Every structure is written in structure tokens, then in C-alpha cells.
Amino acid sequence: MKLVRLIICLMIYCNLLIFPRARVRKRIISVGKNAKKGQFPYMVQLTEPQKENETLSTFNVCGGSLIHPKWILTAGQCFPDNEDLLPQIEKNASMLAIMGNLISLSLNVTAHIDKIIRNPDYQHVVSGDLEAVSDDIALVRTSEEFKLNENIQTITLAAPALLDGIPISHRISDCLTIGFGASDEQDEKMMPLRLC
């Protein structure tokens, strides 16, 4: 049942989201609690490696769900709005998928991203202090399969027939949100996987 709720939340979230435009987006998760090892084995962290002072560091881009050992379901807004940049990201293998970790950017198990398929109806509109995103969903393929174990698993998508006849209000009544983020302003370096 939790799986059905997660997929319903994704479907509703991906259709249309309007939020205040932030000058600097910080990944602060002020409510909820830290996840336990293996609690969300399908959680993937998408990152963009960057070199700083001859050492490799990574920048947290987005989260996603492993739906097949090589395929990740994520948000379309995880990637540049300029569609011409997507093939460049694929060709350069400039993004990584990380799995099996509880702390952001701890490189437990990684795979390079070699294909990004964003919903063709995806839209990102900025108007003054508001942003609107619609059809916000994408599929990402990794260059190699993740080896499944107790901390790395796929999540099964709900069949559309399971949602037939369920009113929208019931679909969103019990939703679980997970992601990497600091619990406060001072804790931005250590970003544990949290749920709320």
C-alpha cells in the first residue's frame, strides 16, 4: 500500500507544481526524521561531480527511485531547461547516480548517467516571484546496472488499474516524502536521508 501512495504522490506532484521563486535554493528538511539503513533501498541520489582544488567533490542535484537496475524515475526539473544540453550531459557522462547511502554524497555505489528522457510535455515557467512546473517527470538510464542487495532494490510501479475509481482526495491523504537535506542552516555539509 505504501508503494501505491508513493506513486500517487509522484503522479500528483509531477502534474503541476507552483512555488515561490527562491534566489538560492537550500536543501533544508526541517521536519521528519533520519532514515534507517535499508529503509528506502530504491532511493537514488543524482549528482554532478565537480573538481575543486584537484579533489573531486559532488553537487547534489536531485533524488529519484530505482525502477529497474538501469532505470531511475525522477523529476524533469532535475536537468537544465535547455533541451540541447541533455545530449551533452549524456555524452560526457557528467552526472552520477549514487545508491546505498544514508548520508548525502557518500559514494557507496555509483553509476554514470548515459540517457535522460524528460516528459515531452514538461514545462518550467517563471513569472516574477513565482515558478510553475508541469508534467515534471523524467527517466534516467545508467551506463551499468546496479547490483541489487539489501540496501539497493528496485521499487515496483503501481498499475493504472489500481487507481481507477479512487478520488483524488483519497490518493493524496497519506503521502511519504524522502530526500537528502540538512536538518538546519548550520548542518548543510551533512545531509542525511530523511523522511516526513
N, C-alpha and C. Protein backbone atom coordinates (compact mmCIF):
# COMPACT_ATOMS: atom_id res chain seq x y z
N MET A 1 0.82 -1.20 0.00
CA MET A 1 0.00 0.00 0.00
C MET A 1 0.86 1.26 0.00
N LYS A 2 2.04 1.20 0.71
CA LYS A 2 2.93 2.36 0.72
C LYS A 2 3.40 2.68 -0.69
N LEU A 3 3.64 1.64 -1.49
CA LEU A 3 4.08 1.84 -2.87
C LEU A 3 3.02 2.59 -3.66
N VAL A 4 1.78 2.20 -3.50
CA VAL A 4 0.69 2.87 -4.21
C VAL A 4 0.64 4.34 -3.82
N ARG A 5 0.78 4.62 -2.52
CA ARG A 5 0.76 6.01 -2.05
C ARG A 5 1.91 6.81 -2.64
N LEU A 6 3.11 6.19 -2.69
CA LEU A 6 4.28 6.88 -3.25
C LEU A 6 4.04 7.23 -4.71
N ILE A 7 3.53 6.29 -5.49
CA ILE A 7 3.29 6.52 -6.91
C ILE A 7 2.20 7.57 -7.10
N ILE A 8 1.15 7.51 -6.30
CA ILE A 8 0.09 8.51 -6.39
C ILE A 8 0.65 9.90 -6.10
N CYS A 9 1.46 10.00 -5.06
CA CYS A 9 2.07 11.29 -4.73
C CYS A 9 2.94 11.78 -5.88
N LEU A 10 3.71 10.88 -6.48
CA LEU A 10 4.54 11.27 -7.63
C LEU A 10 3.68 11.77 -8.78
N MET A 11 2.59 11.06 -9.06
CA MET A 11 1.74 11.44 -10.18
C MET A 11 1.12 12.82 -9.95
N ILE A 12 0.63 13.05 -8.77
CA ILE A 12 0.01 14.34 -8.46
C ILE A 12 1.06 15.43 -8.46
N TYR A 13 2.20 15.17 -7.85
CA TYR A 13 3.28 16.15 -7.77
C TYR A 13 3.80 16.50 -9.16
N CYS A 14 3.91 15.51 -10.03
CA CYS A 14 4.50 15.74 -11.34
C CYS A 14 3.57 16.46 -12.30
N ASN A 15 2.30 16.51 -12.04
CA ASN A 15 1.39 17.16 -12.96
C ASN A 15 1.53 18.68 -12.93
N LEU A 16 1.49 19.28 -11.76
CA LEU A 16 1.65 20.74 -11.69
C LEU A 16 2.11 21.13 -10.30
N LEU A 17 3.15 21.93 -10.26
CA LEU A 17 3.70 22.42 -9.01
C LEU A 17 4.00 23.90 -9.16
N ILE A 18 3.46 24.73 -8.27
CA ILE A 18 3.74 26.16 -8.29
C ILE A 18 4.37 26.51 -6.95
N PHE A 19 5.48 27.23 -6.99
CA PHE A 19 6.18 27.57 -5.76
C PHE A 19 6.84 28.93 -5.87
N PRO A 20 7.12 29.59 -4.71
CA PRO A 20 7.80 30.88 -4.75
C PRO A 20 9.19 30.72 -5.33
N ARG A 21 9.59 31.67 -6.14
CA ARG A 21 10.92 31.63 -6.75
C ARG A 21 11.95 32.02 -5.69
N ALA A 22 12.88 31.13 -5.42
CA ALA A 22 13.91 31.40 -4.41
C ALA A 22 15.18 31.87 -5.09
N ARG A 23 15.84 32.82 -4.48
CA ARG A 23 17.12 33.30 -5.03
C ARG A 23 18.18 32.21 -4.91
N VAL A 24 18.26 31.59 -3.75
CA VAL A 24 19.20 30.49 -3.53
C VAL A 24 18.40 29.36 -2.91
N ARG A 25 18.40 28.22 -3.56
CA ARG A 25 17.66 27.08 -3.02
C ARG A 25 18.56 26.31 -2.07
N LYS A 26 18.11 26.15 -0.85
CA LYS A 26 18.84 25.36 0.14
C LYS A 26 18.06 24.09 0.38
N ARG A 27 18.76 23.03 0.60
CA ARG A 27 18.13 21.75 0.85
C ARG A 27 17.99 21.54 2.35
N ILE A 28 17.00 22.20 2.94
CA ILE A 28 16.74 22.10 4.37
C ILE A 28 15.46 21.30 4.56
N ILE A 29 15.53 20.22 5.33
CA ILE A 29 14.36 19.43 5.67
C ILE A 29 14.17 19.60 7.16
N SER A 30 13.27 20.51 7.54
CA SER A 30 13.16 20.89 8.95
C SER A 30 12.25 19.96 9.75
N VAL A 31 11.47 19.14 9.09
CA VAL A 31 10.60 18.20 9.80
C VAL A 31 11.01 16.79 9.43
N GLY A 32 10.45 15.83 10.11
CA GLY A 32 10.73 14.45 9.78
C GLY A 32 11.85 13.88 10.62
N LYS A 33 12.36 12.73 10.18
CA LYS A 33 13.42 12.06 10.92
C LYS A 33 14.36 11.37 9.95
N ASN A 34 15.54 11.02 10.45
CA ASN A 34 16.53 10.35 9.61
C ASN A 34 16.06 8.93 9.28
N ALA A 35 16.35 8.50 8.07
CA ALA A 35 16.01 7.15 7.63
C ALA A 35 16.99 6.15 8.23
N LYS A 36 16.56 4.90 8.29
CA LYS A 36 17.43 3.81 8.76
C LYS A 36 18.04 3.10 7.55
N LYS A 37 19.20 2.50 7.75
CA LYS A 37 19.88 1.76 6.68
C LYS A 37 18.93 0.72 6.09
N GLY A 38 18.78 0.72 4.78
CA GLY A 38 17.93 -0.24 4.10
C GLY A 38 16.45 0.09 4.11
N GLN A 39 16.04 1.18 4.76
CA GLN A 39 14.62 1.52 4.85
C GLN A 39 14.04 1.92 3.50
N PHE A 40 14.84 2.61 2.67
CA PHE A 40 14.40 3.05 1.35
C PHE A 40 15.46 2.63 0.32
N PRO A 41 15.56 1.34 0.05
CA PRO A 41 16.66 0.85 -0.80
C PRO A 41 16.52 1.25 -2.27
N TYR A 42 15.40 1.84 -2.64
CA TYR A 42 15.19 2.28 -4.02
C TYR A 42 15.58 3.74 -4.22
N MET A 43 15.95 4.46 -3.16
CA MET A 43 16.29 5.89 -3.24
C MET A 43 17.63 6.08 -3.94
N VAL A 44 17.60 6.92 -4.98
CA VAL A 44 18.80 7.24 -5.75
C VAL A 44 19.10 8.72 -5.59
N GLN A 45 20.37 9.04 -5.47
CA GLN A 45 20.79 10.44 -5.42
C GLN A 45 21.50 10.76 -6.73
N LEU A 46 21.03 11.78 -7.44
CA LEU A 46 21.65 12.22 -8.69
C LEU A 46 22.59 13.37 -8.38
N THR A 47 23.83 13.27 -8.84
CA THR A 47 24.83 14.30 -8.52
C THR A 47 25.61 14.69 -9.76
N GLU A 48 26.25 15.83 -9.65
CA GLU A 48 27.11 16.33 -10.71
C GLU A 48 28.51 16.52 -10.13
N PRO A 49 29.46 15.62 -10.48
CA PRO A 49 30.82 15.75 -9.94
C PRO A 49 31.47 17.04 -10.40
N GLN A 50 32.21 17.67 -9.50
CA GLN A 50 32.94 18.90 -9.82
C GLN A 50 34.31 18.82 -9.18
N LYS A 51 35.30 19.40 -9.86
CA LYS A 51 36.65 19.40 -9.31
C LYS A 51 36.91 20.71 -8.58
N GLU A 52 37.37 20.58 -7.34
CA GLU A 52 37.73 21.75 -6.54
C GLU A 52 39.11 21.50 -5.95
N ASN A 53 40.07 22.35 -6.29
CA ASN A 53 41.43 22.23 -5.76
C ASN A 53 42.00 20.82 -5.96
N GLU A 54 41.86 20.30 -7.16
CA GLU A 54 42.39 18.99 -7.53
C GLU A 54 41.73 17.82 -6.80
N THR A 55 40.64 18.04 -6.06
CA THR A 55 39.92 16.93 -5.44
C THR A 55 38.50 16.91 -6.01
N LEU A 56 37.97 15.71 -6.12
CA LEU A 56 36.64 15.54 -6.68
C LEU A 56 35.60 15.77 -5.59
N SER A 57 34.67 16.66 -5.85
CA SER A 57 33.53 16.85 -4.95
C SER A 57 32.28 16.68 -5.80
N THR A 58 31.16 16.56 -5.16
CA THR A 58 29.92 16.40 -5.92
C THR A 58 28.89 17.41 -5.45
N PHE A 59 28.00 17.77 -6.35
CA PHE A 59 26.93 18.71 -6.07
C PHE A 59 25.62 17.92 -6.15
N ASN A 60 24.85 17.94 -5.08
CA ASN A 60 23.58 17.22 -5.04
C ASN A 60 22.59 17.87 -5.99
N VAL A 61 22.08 17.11 -6.94
CA VAL A 61 21.14 17.65 -7.92
C VAL A 61 19.71 17.27 -7.56
N CYS A 62 19.44 15.99 -7.39
CA CYS A 62 18.07 15.52 -7.20
C CYS A 62 18.04 14.12 -6.61
N GLY A 63 16.85 13.70 -6.27
CA GLY A 63 16.62 12.32 -5.85
C GLY A 63 15.77 11.62 -6.89
N GLY A 64 15.70 10.32 -6.80
CA GLY A 64 14.89 9.53 -7.71
C GLY A 64 14.63 8.16 -7.12
N SER A 65 13.92 7.32 -7.87
CA SER A 65 13.60 5.96 -7.45
C SER A 65 14.09 4.98 -8.51
N LEU A 66 14.79 3.94 -8.07
CA LEU A 66 15.27 2.90 -8.98
C LEU A 66 14.08 2.00 -9.34
N ILE A 67 13.70 1.97 -10.62
CA ILE A 67 12.55 1.16 -11.04
C ILE A 67 13.00 -0.07 -11.83
N HIS A 68 14.27 -0.15 -12.16
CA HIS A 68 14.91 -1.26 -12.87
C HIS A 68 16.39 -1.10 -12.56
N PRO A 69 17.19 -2.16 -12.58
CA PRO A 69 18.61 -1.99 -12.24
C PRO A 69 19.35 -0.92 -13.05
N LYS A 70 18.80 -0.52 -14.22
CA LYS A 70 19.44 0.53 -15.03
C LYS A 70 18.58 1.78 -15.21
N TRP A 71 17.38 1.82 -14.65
CA TRP A 71 16.47 2.95 -14.91
C TRP A 71 16.00 3.60 -13.61
N ILE A 72 15.98 4.94 -13.63
CA ILE A 72 15.60 5.75 -12.48
C ILE A 72 14.44 6.67 -12.88
N LEU A 73 13.43 6.74 -12.02
CA LEU A 73 12.32 7.68 -12.20
C LEU A 73 12.62 8.90 -11.33
N THR A 74 12.57 10.08 -11.93
CA THR A 74 12.91 11.30 -11.20
C THR A 74 12.08 12.46 -11.74
N ALA A 75 12.41 13.67 -11.33
CA ALA A 75 11.70 14.87 -11.78
C ALA A 75 12.38 15.46 -13.01
N GLY A 76 11.59 16.01 -13.92
CA GLY A 76 12.14 16.65 -15.11
C GLY A 76 12.97 17.87 -14.77
N GLN A 77 12.63 18.55 -13.66
CA GLN A 77 13.35 19.76 -13.29
C GLN A 77 14.76 19.48 -12.76
N CYS A 78 15.14 18.21 -12.66
CA CYS A 78 16.50 17.87 -12.22
C CYS A 78 17.55 18.23 -13.26
N PHE A 79 17.12 18.52 -14.46
CA PHE A 79 18.04 18.76 -15.57
C PHE A 79 17.80 20.14 -16.15
N PRO A 80 18.79 20.68 -16.86
CA PRO A 80 18.63 22.03 -17.42
C PRO A 80 17.40 22.13 -18.32
N ASP A 81 16.73 23.29 -18.28
CA ASP A 81 15.57 23.51 -19.14
C ASP A 81 15.95 23.46 -20.61
N ASN A 82 17.17 23.85 -20.94
CA ASN A 82 17.65 23.84 -22.32
C ASN A 82 17.84 22.39 -22.78
N GLU A 83 16.93 21.91 -23.62
CA GLU A 83 16.97 20.53 -24.11
C GLU A 83 18.27 20.20 -24.84
N ASP A 84 18.92 21.21 -25.44
CA ASP A 84 20.16 20.97 -26.17
C ASP A 84 21.29 20.52 -25.25
N LEU A 85 21.18 20.79 -23.95
CA LEU A 85 22.24 20.41 -23.01
C LEU A 85 22.14 18.94 -22.59
N LEU A 86 20.96 18.32 -22.74
CA LEU A 86 20.79 16.94 -22.29
C LEU A 86 21.72 15.97 -23.01
N PRO A 87 21.83 16.02 -24.36
CA PRO A 87 22.77 15.10 -25.03
C PRO A 87 24.22 15.32 -24.58
N GLN A 88 24.55 16.56 -24.25
CA GLN A 88 25.90 16.87 -23.77
C GLN A 88 26.16 16.19 -22.42
N ILE A 89 25.19 16.22 -21.53
CA ILE A 89 25.31 15.55 -20.23
C ILE A 89 25.48 14.05 -20.45
N GLU A 90 24.68 13.48 -21.37
CA GLU A 90 24.76 12.05 -21.66
C GLU A 90 26.13 11.68 -22.23
N LYS A 91 26.57 12.43 -23.23
CA LYS A 91 27.83 12.13 -23.92
C LYS A 91 29.03 12.23 -22.97
N ASN A 92 29.05 13.27 -22.15
CA ASN A 92 30.17 13.49 -21.23
C ASN A 92 30.08 12.65 -19.96
N ALA A 93 28.98 11.94 -19.79
CA ALA A 93 28.74 11.17 -18.55
C ALA A 93 29.04 12.05 -17.34
N SER A 94 28.52 13.27 -17.37
CA SER A 94 28.86 14.27 -16.35
C SER A 94 27.99 14.20 -15.10
N MET A 95 27.06 13.25 -15.05
CA MET A 95 26.24 13.08 -13.85
C MET A 95 26.37 11.66 -13.34
N LEU A 96 26.26 11.52 -12.02
CA LEU A 96 26.34 10.22 -11.37
C LEU A 96 25.04 9.91 -10.64
N ALA A 97 24.72 8.63 -10.55
CA ALA A 97 23.65 8.14 -9.70
C ALA A 97 24.33 7.40 -8.55
N ILE A 98 23.94 7.73 -7.32
CA ILE A 98 24.54 7.12 -6.13
C ILE A 98 23.45 6.39 -5.37
N MET A 99 23.77 5.17 -4.89
CA MET A 99 22.79 4.38 -4.14
C MET A 99 23.43 3.74 -2.91
N GLY A 100 22.57 3.29 -2.01
CA GLY A 100 23.02 2.52 -0.85
C GLY A 100 23.58 3.35 0.28
N ASN A 101 23.31 4.66 0.27
CA ASN A 101 23.88 5.53 1.30
C ASN A 101 22.80 6.21 2.13
N LEU A 102 23.19 6.60 3.33
CA LEU A 102 22.29 7.36 4.21
C LEU A 102 22.72 8.80 4.35
N ILE A 103 23.97 9.10 3.99
CA ILE A 103 24.49 10.46 4.05
C ILE A 103 24.71 10.95 2.63
N SER A 104 24.25 12.15 2.34
CA SER A 104 24.38 12.74 1.02
C SER A 104 25.82 12.70 0.53
N LEU A 105 25.98 12.31 -0.73
CA LEU A 105 27.26 12.34 -1.43
C LEU A 105 28.31 11.39 -0.90
N SER A 106 27.94 10.43 -0.04
CA SER A 106 28.89 9.38 0.31
C SER A 106 28.83 8.37 -0.84
N LEU A 107 29.95 8.22 -1.53
CA LEU A 107 29.96 7.48 -2.79
C LEU A 107 29.97 5.97 -2.56
N ASN A 108 28.89 5.42 -2.06
CA ASN A 108 28.80 3.98 -1.83
C ASN A 108 28.86 3.20 -3.14
N VAL A 109 27.82 3.28 -3.92
CA VAL A 109 27.74 2.59 -5.21
C VAL A 109 27.32 3.63 -6.24
N THR A 110 28.10 3.77 -7.31
CA THR A 110 27.81 4.81 -8.30
C THR A 110 27.69 4.23 -9.70
N ALA A 111 26.98 4.95 -10.55
CA ALA A 111 26.88 4.62 -11.98
C ALA A 111 26.72 5.93 -12.73
N HIS A 112 27.34 6.03 -13.89
CA HIS A 112 27.20 7.22 -14.72
C HIS A 112 25.86 7.21 -15.44
N ILE A 113 25.32 8.38 -15.66
CA ILE A 113 24.05 8.53 -16.39
C ILE A 113 24.37 8.67 -17.87
N ASP A 114 23.75 7.83 -18.71
CA ASP A 114 24.04 7.92 -20.15
C ASP A 114 22.81 8.23 -21.00
N LYS A 115 21.63 8.34 -20.38
CA LYS A 115 20.42 8.69 -21.15
C LYS A 115 19.43 9.40 -20.23
N ILE A 116 18.88 10.51 -20.72
CA ILE A 116 17.86 11.27 -19.99
C ILE A 116 16.65 11.44 -20.90
N ILE A 117 15.50 10.98 -20.45
CA ILE A 117 14.26 11.13 -21.22
C ILE A 117 13.28 11.91 -20.36
N ARG A 118 13.11 13.18 -20.70
CA ARG A 118 12.17 14.02 -19.95
C ARG A 118 10.81 13.97 -20.65
N ASN A 119 9.73 14.05 -19.88
CA ASN A 119 8.38 14.10 -20.43
C ASN A 119 8.34 15.19 -21.50
N PRO A 120 7.89 14.86 -22.72
CA PRO A 120 7.85 15.88 -23.78
C PRO A 120 6.92 17.05 -23.47
N ASP A 121 5.99 16.88 -22.54
CA ASP A 121 5.09 17.97 -22.16
C ASP A 121 5.60 18.79 -20.98
N TYR A 122 6.82 18.49 -20.51
CA TYR A 122 7.40 19.22 -19.38
C TYR A 122 7.45 20.71 -19.67
N GLN A 123 7.06 21.52 -18.68
CA GLN A 123 7.14 22.98 -18.81
C GLN A 123 7.63 23.57 -17.51
N HIS A 124 8.50 24.56 -17.63
CA HIS A 124 9.00 25.31 -16.47
C HIS A 124 8.83 26.78 -16.83
N VAL A 125 7.94 27.46 -16.12
CA VAL A 125 7.62 28.85 -16.42
C VAL A 125 7.96 29.71 -15.20
N VAL A 126 8.65 30.82 -15.46
CA VAL A 126 8.99 31.77 -14.40
C VAL A 126 8.24 33.06 -14.68
N SER A 127 7.52 33.56 -13.67
CA SER A 127 6.80 34.82 -13.80
C SER A 127 6.96 35.60 -12.50
N GLY A 128 7.80 36.61 -12.55
CA GLY A 128 8.04 37.40 -11.34
C GLY A 128 8.65 36.56 -10.25
N ASP A 129 7.96 36.50 -9.10
CA ASP A 129 8.46 35.74 -7.96
C ASP A 129 7.91 34.32 -7.90
N LEU A 130 7.21 33.88 -8.94
CA LEU A 130 6.64 32.53 -8.95
C LEU A 130 7.25 31.69 -10.06
N GLU A 131 7.35 30.40 -9.77
CA GLU A 131 7.75 29.42 -10.78
C GLU A 131 6.63 28.39 -10.87
N ALA A 132 6.37 27.90 -12.06
CA ALA A 132 5.40 26.82 -12.24
C ALA A 132 6.06 25.72 -13.05
N VAL A 133 5.87 24.49 -12.60
CA VAL A 133 6.42 23.33 -13.30
C VAL A 133 5.27 22.37 -13.54
N SER A 134 5.12 21.89 -14.77
CA SER A 134 4.08 20.90 -15.05
C SER A 134 4.68 19.71 -15.78
N ASP A 135 4.01 18.56 -15.64
CA ASP A 135 4.46 17.31 -16.25
C ASP A 135 5.92 17.05 -15.91
N ASP A 136 6.22 17.19 -14.64
CA ASP A 136 7.59 17.18 -14.11
C ASP A 136 8.06 15.76 -13.80
N ILE A 137 8.39 15.01 -14.85
CA ILE A 137 8.83 13.63 -14.66
C ILE A 137 9.85 13.28 -15.74
N ALA A 138 10.80 12.44 -15.38
CA ALA A 138 11.85 12.03 -16.32
C ALA A 138 12.31 10.62 -15.99
N LEU A 139 12.84 9.95 -17.00
CA LEU A 139 13.50 8.66 -16.83
C LEU A 139 14.98 8.85 -17.11
N VAL A 140 15.81 8.18 -16.32
CA VAL A 140 17.26 8.27 -16.47
C VAL A 140 17.80 6.85 -16.57
N ARG A 141 18.67 6.62 -17.56
CA ARG A 141 19.31 5.31 -17.70
C ARG A 141 20.77 5.43 -17.26
N THR A 142 21.23 4.43 -16.52
CA THR A 142 22.63 4.41 -16.11
C THR A 142 23.45 3.55 -17.08
N SER A 143 24.74 3.82 -17.13
CA SER A 143 25.62 3.11 -18.06
C SER A 143 25.80 1.65 -17.66
N GLU A 144 25.65 1.35 -16.39
CA GLU A 144 25.74 -0.03 -15.94
C GLU A 144 24.63 -0.30 -14.93
N GLU A 145 24.29 -1.57 -14.78
CA GLU A 145 23.22 -1.94 -13.84
C GLU A 145 23.72 -1.84 -12.41
N PHE A 146 22.83 -1.43 -11.52
CA PHE A 146 23.12 -1.51 -10.09
C PHE A 146 22.94 -2.96 -9.67
N LYS A 147 23.88 -3.47 -8.90
CA LYS A 147 23.75 -4.83 -8.36
C LYS A 147 22.83 -4.75 -7.14
N LEU A 148 21.73 -5.49 -7.21
CA LEU A 148 20.73 -5.43 -6.15
C LEU A 148 21.21 -6.21 -4.92
N ASN A 149 20.95 -5.64 -3.74
CA ASN A 149 21.27 -6.28 -2.46
C ASN A 149 20.30 -5.73 -1.42
N GLU A 150 20.59 -5.94 -0.14
CA GLU A 150 19.65 -5.49 0.90
C GLU A 150 19.52 -3.97 0.98
N ASN A 151 20.52 -3.22 0.50
CA ASN A 151 20.47 -1.75 0.55
C ASN A 151 20.20 -1.11 -0.80
N ILE A 152 20.14 -1.91 -1.86
CA ILE A 152 19.86 -1.40 -3.21
C ILE A 152 18.80 -2.30 -3.84
N GLN A 153 17.60 -1.76 -4.03
CA GLN A 153 16.48 -2.51 -4.58
C GLN A 153 15.69 -1.63 -5.54
N THR A 154 14.92 -2.26 -6.40
CA THR A 154 14.01 -1.51 -7.26
C THR A 154 12.67 -1.36 -6.53
N ILE A 155 11.89 -0.37 -6.97
CA ILE A 155 10.54 -0.19 -6.45
C ILE A 155 9.59 -0.51 -7.61
N THR A 156 8.49 -1.16 -7.31
CA THR A 156 7.52 -1.53 -8.33
C THR A 156 6.52 -0.40 -8.51
N LEU A 157 6.26 -0.05 -9.76
CA LEU A 157 5.27 0.99 -10.05
C LEU A 157 3.87 0.40 -9.98
N ALA A 158 2.94 1.20 -9.51
CA ALA A 158 1.55 0.76 -9.41
C ALA A 158 0.92 0.69 -10.79
N ALA A 159 0.11 -0.33 -11.01
CA ALA A 159 -0.62 -0.45 -12.27
C ALA A 159 -1.73 0.60 -12.30
N PRO A 160 -1.96 1.24 -13.46
CA PRO A 160 -3.02 2.26 -13.54
C PRO A 160 -4.38 1.75 -13.06
N ALA A 161 -4.66 0.47 -13.25
CA ALA A 161 -5.95 -0.08 -12.85
C ALA A 161 -6.17 0.04 -11.34
N LEU A 162 -5.07 0.05 -10.56
CA LEU A 162 -5.21 0.19 -9.11
C LEU A 162 -5.78 1.54 -8.71
N LEU A 163 -5.64 2.53 -9.58
CA LEU A 163 -6.08 3.88 -9.25
C LEU A 163 -7.49 4.18 -9.74
N ASP A 164 -8.04 3.32 -10.58
CA ASP A 164 -9.39 3.54 -11.11
C ASP A 164 -10.40 3.64 -9.98
N GLY A 165 -11.23 4.66 -10.05
CA GLY A 165 -12.30 4.83 -9.08
C GLY A 165 -11.89 5.44 -7.75
N ILE A 166 -10.60 5.73 -7.58
CA ILE A 166 -10.15 6.34 -6.32
C ILE A 166 -10.16 7.86 -6.50
N PRO A 167 -10.96 8.58 -5.72
CA PRO A 167 -10.99 10.05 -5.86
C PRO A 167 -9.62 10.66 -5.53
N ILE A 168 -9.32 11.78 -6.18
CA ILE A 168 -8.05 12.48 -5.96
C ILE A 168 -7.81 12.73 -4.48
N SER A 169 -8.84 13.14 -3.74
CA SER A 169 -8.67 13.46 -2.32
C SER A 169 -8.17 12.26 -1.52
N HIS A 170 -8.55 11.05 -1.92
CA HIS A 170 -8.09 9.85 -1.23
C HIS A 170 -6.67 9.48 -1.66
N ARG A 171 -6.31 9.83 -2.86
CA ARG A 171 -4.98 9.48 -3.38
C ARG A 171 -3.87 10.23 -2.66
N ILE A 172 -4.16 11.41 -2.16
CA ILE A 172 -3.11 12.22 -1.53
C ILE A 172 -3.24 12.29 -0.02
N SER A 173 -4.10 11.50 0.57
CA SER A 173 -4.33 11.62 2.01
C SER A 173 -3.17 11.10 2.85
N ASP A 174 -2.40 10.17 2.34
CA ASP A 174 -1.31 9.59 3.11
C ASP A 174 -0.09 9.48 2.20
N CYS A 175 0.81 10.43 2.32
CA CYS A 175 1.94 10.54 1.40
C CYS A 175 3.24 10.53 2.19
N LEU A 176 4.26 9.89 1.67
CA LEU A 176 5.58 9.83 2.29
C LEU A 176 6.56 10.56 1.40
N THR A 177 7.35 11.45 1.98
CA THR A 177 8.36 12.19 1.23
C THR A 177 9.72 11.84 1.79
N ILE A 178 10.67 11.50 0.91
CA ILE A 178 12.04 11.22 1.35
C ILE A 178 13.00 12.02 0.49
N GLY A 179 14.14 12.34 1.06
CA GLY A 179 15.15 13.05 0.30
C GLY A 179 16.34 13.40 1.17
N PHE A 180 17.43 13.81 0.51
CA PHE A 180 18.63 14.22 1.22
C PHE A 180 18.54 15.71 1.49
N GLY A 181 18.79 16.10 2.73
CA GLY A 181 18.77 17.51 3.07
C GLY A 181 19.25 17.73 4.49
N ALA A 182 19.76 18.91 4.73
CA ALA A 182 20.21 19.27 6.08
C ALA A 182 19.00 19.50 6.96
N SER A 183 19.16 19.27 8.26
CA SER A 183 18.04 19.48 9.17
C SER A 183 17.97 20.92 9.66
N ASP A 184 19.05 21.70 9.46
CA ASP A 184 19.02 23.12 9.80
C ASP A 184 20.10 23.84 9.01
N GLU A 185 20.13 25.16 9.12
CA GLU A 185 21.06 26.00 8.36
C GLU A 185 22.52 25.66 8.63
N GLN A 186 22.86 25.28 9.87
CA GLN A 186 24.25 25.01 10.22
C GLN A 186 24.71 23.63 9.77
N ASP A 187 23.82 22.80 9.32
CA ASP A 187 24.12 21.40 9.06
C ASP A 187 24.15 21.08 7.57
N GLU A 188 24.53 22.04 6.72
CA GLU A 188 24.41 21.86 5.28
C GLU A 188 25.42 20.86 4.71
N LYS A 189 26.53 20.60 5.37
CA LYS A 189 27.53 19.66 4.85
C LYS A 189 27.06 18.22 5.02
N MET A 190 26.45 17.90 6.17
CA MET A 190 25.97 16.56 6.44
C MET A 190 24.50 16.51 6.08
N MET A 191 24.16 15.87 4.99
CA MET A 191 22.76 15.82 4.58
C MET A 191 22.28 14.37 4.62
N PRO A 192 21.64 13.95 5.72
CA PRO A 192 21.16 12.58 5.81
C PRO A 192 19.90 12.36 4.99
N LEU A 193 19.64 11.11 4.65
CA LEU A 193 18.37 10.75 4.02
C LEU A 193 17.31 10.88 5.10
N ARG A 194 16.28 11.71 4.83
CA ARG A 194 15.24 11.97 5.82
C ARG A 194 13.87 11.65 5.23
N LEU A 195 12.92 11.37 6.11
CA LEU A 195 11.55 11.12 5.68
C LEU A 195 10.60 11.96 6.50
N CYS A 196 9.50 12.34 5.87
CA CYS A 196 8.45 13.08 6.58
C CYS A 196 7.11 12.77 5.94
